[in-house]
Amino acid sequence: MPLIRFDMIKGRSPEEIKDILQIAHEVMVAAFDVPPRDRYQIVHQHEPYEMVVEDTGLDIPRTDKVIVISIVSRVRTIRQLKKFYQDLADKLETAGLVGKNDLMINVSFNDDQGWSFGQGKAQFLEGSL
């Protein structure tokens, strides 16, 4: 049920984008222990001048392949988060899709009252999920 948003600079092929989403999904399922059909991913592509992703003083060089991944999720453990960050960076780099310097991830937490999956219902609160 995590909602994942991918912000990237325009220019990637549809195949690259599909591969990035698939890898992110597989890593999320493994790290967060969620069902495989909990897949909510949105890609936003931007002009180069619309994304400024600096390094917070960490001296991390970025390229035009930078991706910012923003996740809204139920609370996860520190162990789950570290596994997700590391495994995603490793797998995307190994696949030649995103270098580790070009991957930025942000996770925001919410709880059951923050979700409606459709039909105007709060499925977690109503006991459907």
Protein backbone atom coordinates (compact mmCIF):
# COMPACT_ATOMS: atom_id res chain seq x y z
CA MET A 1 0.00 0.00 0.00
CA PRO A 2 2.87 2.42 -0.11
CA LEU A 3 2.28 5.12 -2.71
CA ILE A 4 5.48 5.75 -4.64
CA ARG A 5 6.12 8.82 -6.77
CA PHE A 6 9.11 8.96 -9.11
CA ASP A 7 10.33 12.38 -10.25
CA MET A 8 12.84 12.29 -13.08
CA ILE A 9 14.15 14.38 -15.94
CA LYS A 10 12.53 13.66 -19.30
CA GLY A 11 14.43 11.50 -21.73
CA ARG A 12 14.23 7.95 -20.41
CA SER A 13 12.71 5.29 -22.64
CA PRO A 14 9.43 3.60 -21.70
CA GLU A 15 11.39 0.37 -21.13
CA GLU A 16 13.77 2.07 -18.69
CA ILE A 17 10.87 3.54 -16.76
CA LYS A 18 9.06 0.18 -16.62
CA ASP A 19 12.25 -1.47 -15.37
CA ILE A 20 12.78 1.19 -12.69
CA LEU A 21 9.20 0.76 -11.47
CA GLN A 22 9.44 -3.04 -11.48
CA ILE A 23 12.69 -3.08 -9.50
CA ALA A 24 11.30 -0.56 -7.00
CA HIS A 25 8.19 -2.67 -6.57
CA GLU A 26 10.12 -5.91 -6.04
CA VAL A 27 12.41 -4.26 -3.49
CA MET A 28 9.46 -2.68 -1.68
CA VAL A 29 7.57 -5.99 -1.47
CA ALA A 30 10.64 -7.70 -0.02
CA ALA A 31 11.74 -4.94 2.36
CA PHE A 32 8.32 -3.80 3.59
CA ASP A 33 6.67 -7.24 3.52
CA VAL A 34 3.62 -6.05 1.59
CA PRO A 35 1.48 -8.12 -0.80
CA PRO A 36 2.60 -8.13 -4.45
CA ARG A 37 -0.62 -6.43 -5.60
CA ASP A 38 0.00 -3.46 -3.31
CA ARG A 39 1.35 -1.46 -6.22
CA TYR A 40 0.74 2.26 -6.48
CA GLN A 41 3.36 4.05 -8.57
CA ILE A 42 3.25 7.40 -10.34
CA VAL A 43 5.93 8.80 -12.64
CA HIS A 44 6.39 12.51 -13.19
CA GLN A 45 8.85 13.61 -15.86
CA HIS A 46 10.30 17.09 -15.78
CA GLU A 47 12.29 19.44 -17.94
CA PRO A 48 15.89 19.67 -16.70
CA TYR A 49 15.34 23.18 -15.35
CA GLU A 50 12.40 21.94 -13.25
CA MET A 51 14.49 19.73 -10.96
CA VAL A 52 17.22 20.96 -8.66
CA VAL A 53 18.61 18.11 -6.55
CA GLU A 54 21.69 19.15 -4.67
CA ASP A 55 23.74 17.21 -2.15
CA THR A 56 23.03 18.79 1.27
CA GLY A 57 26.76 19.36 1.71
CA LEU A 58 27.57 15.66 1.25
CA ASP A 59 29.55 16.23 -1.95
CA ILE A 60 27.36 13.84 -3.96
CA PRO A 61 27.69 14.54 -7.68
CA ARG A 62 24.41 14.29 -9.60
CA THR A 63 23.71 13.78 -13.31
CA ASP A 64 20.69 14.22 -15.55
CA LYS A 65 19.68 10.65 -14.58
CA VAL A 66 18.79 11.74 -11.03
CA ILE A 67 15.56 10.32 -9.62
CA VAL A 68 13.76 11.49 -6.51
CA ILE A 69 11.52 8.81 -5.05
CA SER A 70 8.86 9.97 -2.59
CA ILE A 71 6.93 7.36 -0.63
CA VAL A 72 3.86 7.65 1.56
CA SER A 73 3.50 4.57 3.74
CA ARG A 74 2.40 3.15 7.03
CA VAL A 75 5.21 3.32 9.57
CA ARG A 76 8.18 1.03 8.79
CA THR A 77 11.01 -0.06 11.03
CA ILE A 78 14.50 1.38 10.71
CA ARG A 79 15.67 -2.06 9.57
CA GLN A 80 13.03 -2.15 6.80
CA LEU A 81 13.91 1.35 5.64
CA LYS A 82 17.64 0.70 5.55
CA LYS A 83 17.06 -2.52 3.61
CA PHE A 84 14.82 -0.72 1.14
CA TYR A 85 17.29 2.14 0.59
CA GLN A 86 20.30 -0.14 0.13
CA ASP A 87 18.63 -2.85 -1.95
CA LEU A 88 16.98 -0.34 -4.27
CA ALA A 89 20.22 1.56 -4.83
CA ASP A 90 22.12 -1.68 -5.46
CA LYS A 91 19.57 -3.16 -7.87
CA LEU A 92 19.01 0.01 -9.88
CA GLU A 93 22.75 0.53 -10.25
CA THR A 94 23.38 -3.12 -11.17
CA ALA A 95 20.67 -2.86 -13.84
CA GLY A 96 22.41 0.23 -15.25
CA LEU A 97 19.33 2.38 -14.66
CA VAL A 98 20.31 4.77 -11.85
CA GLY A 99 23.66 5.30 -10.20
CA LYS A 100 23.73 5.45 -6.41
CA ASN A 101 24.65 9.15 -6.49
CA ASP A 102 21.54 9.85 -8.57
CA LEU A 103 19.03 8.25 -6.23
CA MET A 104 17.29 10.28 -3.54
CA ILE A 105 14.51 8.72 -1.46
CA ASN A 106 12.07 10.36 0.92
CA VAL A 107 9.57 8.42 3.05
CA SER A 108 6.61 10.05 4.79
CA PHE A 109 4.46 8.04 7.19
CA ASN A 110 0.74 8.05 7.77
CA ASP A 111 -1.72 5.70 9.41
CA ASP A 112 -4.91 3.86 8.48
CA GLN A 113 -7.11 6.96 8.48
CA GLY A 114 -4.97 8.46 5.71
CA TRP A 115 -6.01 5.98 3.01
CA SER A 116 -8.98 5.52 0.69
CA PHE A 117 -8.39 3.10 -2.17
CA GLY A 118 -11.57 4.07 -4.01
CA GLN A 119 -15.36 4.00 -3.82
CA GLY A 120 -15.32 6.85 -1.29
CA LYS A 121 -14.50 4.42 1.50
CA ALA A 122 -11.85 4.27 4.20
CA GLN A 123 -11.09 0.57 3.72
CA PHE A 124 -8.65 0.25 6.63
CA LEU A 125 -11.07 1.97 9.03
CA GLU A 126 -14.06 -0.01 7.79
CA GLY A 127 -12.28 -3.35 8.10
CA SER A 128 -12.17 -4.18 4.36
CA LEU A 129 -8.38 -4.40 4.57
